[in-house]
């Protein structure tokens, strides 16, 4: 019998779970009926650019700290040990670089969509290609995020799986459509607190029922779950210090540097300083979230590692392990099971709502407005709400495709962000750091990056590889000490049956290429975009300094070549100082009588505007 079949929800669990959904809907209704009542695109899509750093930072966490991480990370720790924890090292550069490179460029351009940058820097075709790539990535990701908590609810309550999918999608669609970005950000704050509370409750009860902290430590140590620094340079190893600490940086940059869902939060901040501070405030919270997930995995291992306990969890998939563990720990404590399922749904709702809002933004700003320059503000706002609602329905279809996947949800998400997010990171880096790159090179680079990423990703799926052999069929907690180099062996458990040896199972040729760890996908595709883009740009004629829109370059090469004389540096890199930047011009009020929206700037921003160069006008905008 399926071990999950005997689990059940109590009345208190249902009440707690229902309160989460009601509270989320309540926040959406509050912002739909207060303030400007979401009557303008500025308010609906950017929260009137008036958010402070604290709610923005918590929203940044919630956007990608989804149910996938809460279910997937503990299963990874249970299966592969704590090597995955080293991805926390990637958070340092993965947040410092966006704070001081991407955020200043985007914020000073006063964009609504990150892909407006691509038109300013390159051309409209590059902007459209970038937008379509982002839409493709996010729609697929939404399917995984909707399916994961629905699977959890189905597993622990017997509630119909597709009924749970429908409930998740509809609740999220309603409060996103009603309340706009303000509702999304403030529900993210509430849902982040619920997430942390749910995980902490599971850990505390799990430690207590396993026999205390000392017993948990003894079992995970003797079961070889505590990993040292694995410096193995082999890129096909699933998790090493290099795949996590270096490859993870590129993954973080694709998420926190150029992803529209995050950029939109930066742009909703009151000032550039607030946006940068939100990046710094994310770091400790992300470390706490990672620690909670990893500790949960260790407690789960300590609970089930012996032969007398292994049968309880041995036949479950990775996606079901955490759910069984939670219900096993909390079933005799009314309310806590409901709290954890609420935790999962909080993570899912925060991620999905961010996706809906960002998808509506890029579709309106990048695909519709350029062709409808005379659209009134009222009609644009109504259309953006309709787009958010439409994407909510699309995500339900994508959840069905997720149901057909065989990968763990965490691995599936990393592959999605690596295969699609990596090329997008590459094209933004190509534009910001290399002044010679032209539009033709950008298009060729993006195409080649996507082709490379899908070649590796699909190849790994077809050949069922990606990061070395899968883990384990049997665990033993007996005190077996490791021999040899601890840094290369601890990540894999001893006393595991049917694990192939490294010599007999070493892939060769294309098979080895397809075995590349999914943590390297972002780096591989990003470098492919940059290298191909630069080669094509030089072959077709590099851009000249006077052709580059001021404010779209970050002086990376100028900073790196500080020892080179200024005249030679000017010839090598034409990086325009960040202070010289364009503002995307607003249409005069006379041309849009239906709109009451005018550009509003803080004193700090108004003082800076006197130094701006003449404003470039984007193709779809009109001036008098």
Foldseek 3Di string as FASTA:
>chain_A
DQLLVPFAADPLLVVLLVVLLVVLLVLLQVLCPDDPNLQFCCCQQQVVLADFLVLLLLLLCLQPLALLLLLQLLLLLLFFFDLLLLLLLLLVLLLLCQLPPQLLLLQLQLDRFLLVLVCQFFRLVLSVVLLVLLLVLLLLLLLLRLQLLLVLCCSRHVPDSLVSSVVLLVSLLNSSLRNHPVSLSVLSNVLSVLLLVLLVVLLVLLQVVLPHPVLLVLLCVLQLRHADAAPPPQLLAQGHSCLSNPLSNLLSCLSCRRRRLNSSSLNSHQDSVRSSVSSVVNSVVVSSSSVSSSSSSSSLNSQQAAPVRVVSQLPPDSSCSSSSSSSVRCSVPHNSNSSNSSSNSSSSSSNLSSSLSSSLSCCLPSPNLLVCLLDARSVSSVSSSVSSSVSSVSSSVSNVVVVVDDDRSNLVSLLSCLLRSLLSSLLLCLSAEAQQFHNVLQVQLSVQLNVVSCVLAVLCVVVVAANDDGGANHHHSPRDDDDDDRNNPSSHGPPGPPDDDCVVPPDDDVVSSSSRHSSNSSVVSSVSSNVSRVVVSVVVDTDDLVPGAASSYDHPVCVVVVVDDPVVSCVRGVHHDNLAHAYADDEDCVSRVVDPDDDDHDPVSVVSVVSYDDHDYDSSHDYD
